[in-house]
Amino acid sequence: MQYQEFIGRVQQQAGLGSFERAEAATRATLTALGEYLSGGEGHDLAAQLPQGLAEHLHRQPPDRSFIFSLNDFLQRVGEEEGVEIGAAEAHARAVVDVLEEAVSGGEMQDVRRQLPSEFDPLFGG
């Protein structure tokens, strides 16, 4: 999947009014996800994403992993994107849905294994 298609799908699924808002939602979600993933998993996920998206998973040093709850994750997304937590949740869910389309099933399983079960509502829906 190419960059434009990825962002376009996020825009459509999240019901965002502009391509730029979809870019902001995607950037915020991938940045927060990159902060959480450890053991090279962020690099593995980034390898399957188009240029322009992959670097958001690398914004933190690769050996730096933050342990936080789903609520902390959504607050982080909201702060990065500049939206309230309810909007951040809807946007993060849309980004994860498109991620599931864009990368291999095995890679998404690897990502999910690093996240506590409370993150399950972000996946598959």
C-alpha atoms as a PDB file:
ATOM      1  CA  MET A   1       0.000   0.000   0.000  1.00  0.00           C
ATOM      2  CA  GLN A   2       1.327   3.426  -0.926  1.00  0.00           C
ATOM      3  CA  TYR A   3       1.412   6.506   1.317  1.00  0.00           C
ATOM      4  CA  GLN A   4      -1.470   8.347  -0.388  1.00  0.00           C
ATOM      5  CA  GLU A   5      -3.703   5.268  -0.281  1.00  0.00           C
ATOM      6  CA  PHE A   6      -2.900   4.583   3.391  1.00  0.00           C
ATOM      7  CA  ILE A   7      -3.740   8.146   4.466  1.00  0.00           C
ATOM      8  CA  GLY A   8      -6.821   8.209   2.226  1.00  0.00           C
ATOM      9  CA  ARG A   9      -8.149   5.064   3.872  1.00  0.00           C
ATOM     10  CA  VAL A  10      -7.524   6.513   7.345  1.00  0.00           C
ATOM     11  CA  GLN A  11      -9.350   9.678   6.295  1.00  0.00           C
ATOM     12  CA  GLN A  12     -12.317   7.664   5.052  1.00  0.00           C
ATOM     13  CA  GLN A  13     -12.502   5.250   8.003  1.00  0.00           C
ATOM     14  CA  ALA A  14     -12.111   7.980  10.626  1.00  0.00           C
ATOM     15  CA  GLY A  15     -14.483  10.341   8.806  1.00  0.00           C
ATOM     16  CA  LEU A  16     -11.877  13.113   8.800  1.00  0.00           C
ATOM     17  CA  GLY A  17     -12.534  16.223   6.737  1.00  0.00           C
ATOM     18  CA  SER A  18      -9.097  16.556   5.191  1.00  0.00           C
ATOM     19  CA  PHE A  19      -6.090  14.579   4.077  1.00  0.00           C
ATOM     20  CA  GLU A  20      -3.948  16.667   6.446  1.00  0.00           C
ATOM     21  CA  ARG A  21      -6.048  15.678   9.473  1.00  0.00           C
ATOM     22  CA  ALA A  22      -5.702  12.030   8.468  1.00  0.00           C
ATOM     23  CA  GLU A  23      -1.941  12.522   8.230  1.00  0.00           C
ATOM     24  CA  ALA A  24      -1.906  14.004  11.738  1.00  0.00           C
ATOM     25  CA  ALA A  25      -3.959  11.100  13.126  1.00  0.00           C
ATOM     26  CA  THR A  26      -1.685   8.568  11.449  1.00  0.00           C
ATOM     27  CA  ARG A  27       1.486  10.302  12.610  1.00  0.00           C
ATOM     28  CA  ALA A  28       0.213  10.522  16.210  1.00  0.00           C
ATOM     29  CA  THR A  29      -0.864   6.871  16.353  1.00  0.00           C
ATOM     30  CA  LEU A  30       2.328   5.525  14.793  1.00  0.00           C
ATOM     31  CA  THR A  31       4.488   7.699  17.054  1.00  0.00           C
ATOM     32  CA  ALA A  32       2.726   6.421  20.181  1.00  0.00           C
ATOM     33  CA  LEU A  33       2.882   2.845  18.912  1.00  0.00           C
ATOM     34  CA  GLY A  34       6.599   3.219  18.193  1.00  0.00           C
ATOM     35  CA  GLU A  35       7.146   4.380  21.770  1.00  0.00           C
ATOM     36  CA  TYR A  36       5.517   1.219  23.056  1.00  0.00           C
ATOM     37  CA  LEU A  37       7.046  -1.465  20.837  1.00  0.00           C
ATOM     38  CA  SER A  38      10.358  -2.973  21.876  1.00  0.00           C
ATOM     39  CA  GLY A  39      12.866  -5.570  20.739  1.00  0.00           C
ATOM     40  CA  GLY A  40      13.043  -4.284  17.189  1.00  0.00           C
ATOM     41  CA  GLU A  41       9.324  -4.734  16.595  1.00  0.00           C
ATOM     42  CA  GLY A  42       8.916  -1.086  15.596  1.00  0.00           C
ATOM     43  CA  HIS A  43      11.600  -1.583  12.933  1.00  0.00           C
ATOM     44  CA  ASP A  44       9.917  -4.757  11.699  1.00  0.00           C
ATOM     45  CA  LEU A  45       6.578  -2.991  11.381  1.00  0.00           C
ATOM     46  CA  ALA A  46       8.175   0.055   9.748  1.00  0.00           C
ATOM     47  CA  ALA A  47       9.815  -2.187   7.130  1.00  0.00           C
ATOM     48  CA  GLN A  48       6.346  -3.000   5.774  1.00  0.00           C
ATOM     49  CA  LEU A  49       5.120   0.595   5.625  1.00  0.00           C
ATOM     50  CA  PRO A  50       5.637   3.162   2.867  1.00  0.00           C
ATOM     51  CA  GLN A  51       8.213   5.896   3.202  1.00  0.00           C
ATOM     52  CA  GLY A  52       6.632   8.823   4.982  1.00  0.00           C
ATOM     53  CA  LEU A  53       4.980   6.568   7.551  1.00  0.00           C
ATOM     54  CA  ALA A  54       7.779   4.274   8.660  1.00  0.00           C
ATOM     55  CA  GLU A  55       9.870   7.039  10.217  1.00  0.00           C
ATOM     56  CA  HIS A  56       7.158   7.802  12.783  1.00  0.00           C
ATOM     57  CA  LEU A  57       7.822   4.420  14.367  1.00  0.00           C
ATOM     58  CA  HIS A  58      11.482   5.439  14.793  1.00  0.00           C
ATOM     59  CA  ARG A  59      11.079   8.835  16.444  1.00  0.00           C
ATOM     60  CA  GLN A  60      12.167   7.439  19.814  1.00  0.00           C
ATOM     61  CA  PRO A  61      15.446   5.559  20.292  1.00  0.00           C
ATOM     62  CA  PRO A  62      14.812   1.909  19.331  1.00  0.00           C
ATOM     63  CA  ASP A  63      15.786   0.588  22.778  1.00  0.00           C
ATOM     64  CA  ARG A  64      13.357   2.912  24.588  1.00  0.00           C
ATOM     65  CA  SER A  65      10.008   1.322  25.389  1.00  0.00           C
ATOM     66  CA  PHE A  66       7.250   2.907  27.430  1.00  0.00           C
ATOM     67  CA  ILE A  67       4.908   0.707  29.399  1.00  0.00           C
ATOM     68  CA  PHE A  68       1.493   2.304  29.631  1.00  0.00           C
ATOM     69  CA  SER A  69      -2.200   1.528  29.617  1.00  0.00           C
ATOM     70  CA  LEU A  70      -4.626   1.923  26.733  1.00  0.00           C
ATOM     71  CA  ASN A  71      -5.812   5.172  28.308  1.00  0.00           C
ATOM     72  CA  ASP A  72      -2.211   6.444  28.463  1.00  0.00           C
ATOM     73  CA  PHE A  73      -1.733   5.418  24.824  1.00  0.00           C
ATOM     74  CA  LEU A  74      -4.874   7.292  23.754  1.00  0.00           C
ATOM     75  CA  GLN A  75      -3.879  10.364  25.764  1.00  0.00           C
ATOM     76  CA  ARG A  76      -0.489  10.270  24.034  1.00  0.00           C
ATOM     77  CA  VAL A  77      -2.162  10.033  20.614  1.00  0.00           C
ATOM     78  CA  GLY A  78      -4.486  12.905  21.521  1.00  0.00           C
ATOM     79  CA  GLU A  79      -1.623  15.107  22.722  1.00  0.00           C
ATOM     80  CA  GLU A  80       0.423  14.398  19.595  1.00  0.00           C
ATOM     81  CA  GLU A  81      -2.559  15.013  17.315  1.00  0.00           C
ATOM     82  CA  GLY A  82      -4.083  17.895  19.289  1.00  0.00           C
ATOM     83  CA  VAL A  83      -7.502  16.283  19.861  1.00  0.00           C
ATOM     84  CA  GLU A  84      -9.577  15.054  22.803  1.00  0.00           C
ATOM     85  CA  ILE A  85      -9.258  11.433  23.927  1.00  0.00           C
ATOM     86  CA  GLY A  86     -12.551  10.321  22.309  1.00  0.00           C
ATOM     87  CA  ALA A  87     -11.408  11.548  18.912  1.00  0.00           C
ATOM     88  CA  ALA A  88      -7.957  10.070  19.504  1.00  0.00           C
ATOM     89  CA  GLU A  89      -9.536   6.662  20.128  1.00  0.00           C
ATOM     90  CA  ALA A  90     -11.593   6.793  16.928  1.00  0.00           C
ATOM     91  CA  HIS A  91      -8.588   7.959  14.921  1.00  0.00           C
ATOM     92  CA  ALA A  92      -6.238   5.357  16.427  1.00  0.00           C
ATOM     93  CA  ARG A  93      -8.775   2.627  15.671  1.00  0.00           C
ATOM     94  CA  ALA A  94      -8.937   3.780  12.030  1.00  0.00           C
ATOM     95  CA  VAL A  95      -5.134   3.841  11.737  1.00  0.00           C
ATOM     96  CA  VAL A  96      -4.850   0.344  13.223  1.00  0.00           C
ATOM     97  CA  ASP A  97      -7.563  -0.926  10.843  1.00  0.00           C
ATOM     98  CA  VAL A  98      -5.576   0.376   7.879  1.00  0.00           C
ATOM     99  CA  LEU A  99      -2.344  -1.028   9.360  1.00  0.00           C
ATOM    100  CA  GLU A 100      -4.011  -4.439   9.445  1.00  0.00           C
ATOM    101  CA  GLU A 101      -4.729  -4.097   5.715  1.00  0.00           C
ATOM    102  CA  ALA A 102      -1.259  -2.783   4.856  1.00  0.00           C
ATOM    103  CA  VAL A 103       1.066  -5.228   6.639  1.00  0.00           C
ATOM    104  CA  SER A 104       1.249  -8.993   6.901  1.00  0.00           C
ATOM    105  CA  GLY A 105      -0.950 -10.867   9.345  1.00  0.00           C
ATOM    106  CA  GLY A 106       2.137 -12.276  11.027  1.00  0.00           C
ATOM    107  CA  GLU A 107       3.535  -8.818  11.642  1.00  0.00           C
ATOM    108  CA  MET A 108       0.276  -7.624  13.192  1.00  0.00           C
ATOM    109  CA  GLN A 109       0.269 -10.703  15.437  1.00  0.00           C
ATOM    110  CA  ASP A 110       3.783  -9.782  16.567  1.00  0.00           C
ATOM    111  CA  VAL A 111       2.621  -6.228  17.346  1.00  0.00           C
ATOM    112  CA  ARG A 112      -0.441  -7.461  19.247  1.00  0.00           C
ATOM    113  CA  ARG A 113       1.692  -9.819  21.344  1.00  0.00           C
ATOM    114  CA  GLN A 114       3.531  -6.787  22.746  1.00  0.00           C
ATOM    115  CA  LEU A 115       0.341  -5.003  23.746  1.00  0.00           C
ATOM    116  CA  PRO A 116      -1.758  -5.865  26.800  1.00  0.00           C
ATOM    117  CA  SER A 117      -5.207  -7.346  26.152  1.00  0.00           C
ATOM    118  CA  GLU A 118      -6.813  -4.005  27.054  1.00  0.00           C
ATOM    119  CA  PHE A 119      -5.593  -2.797  23.614  1.00  0.00           C
ATOM    120  CA  ASP A 120      -7.790  -5.402  21.845  1.00  0.00           C
ATOM    121  CA  PRO A 121     -10.595  -2.877  21.087  1.00  0.00           C
ATOM    122  CA  LEU A 122      -8.202  -1.078  18.729  1.00  0.00           C
ATOM    123  CA  PHE A 123      -7.853  -4.195  16.585  1.00  0.00           C
ATOM    124  CA  GLY A 124     -10.191  -5.929  14.190  1.00  0.00           C
ATOM    125  CA  GLY A 125     -12.947  -3.497  13.866  1.00  0.00           C
END
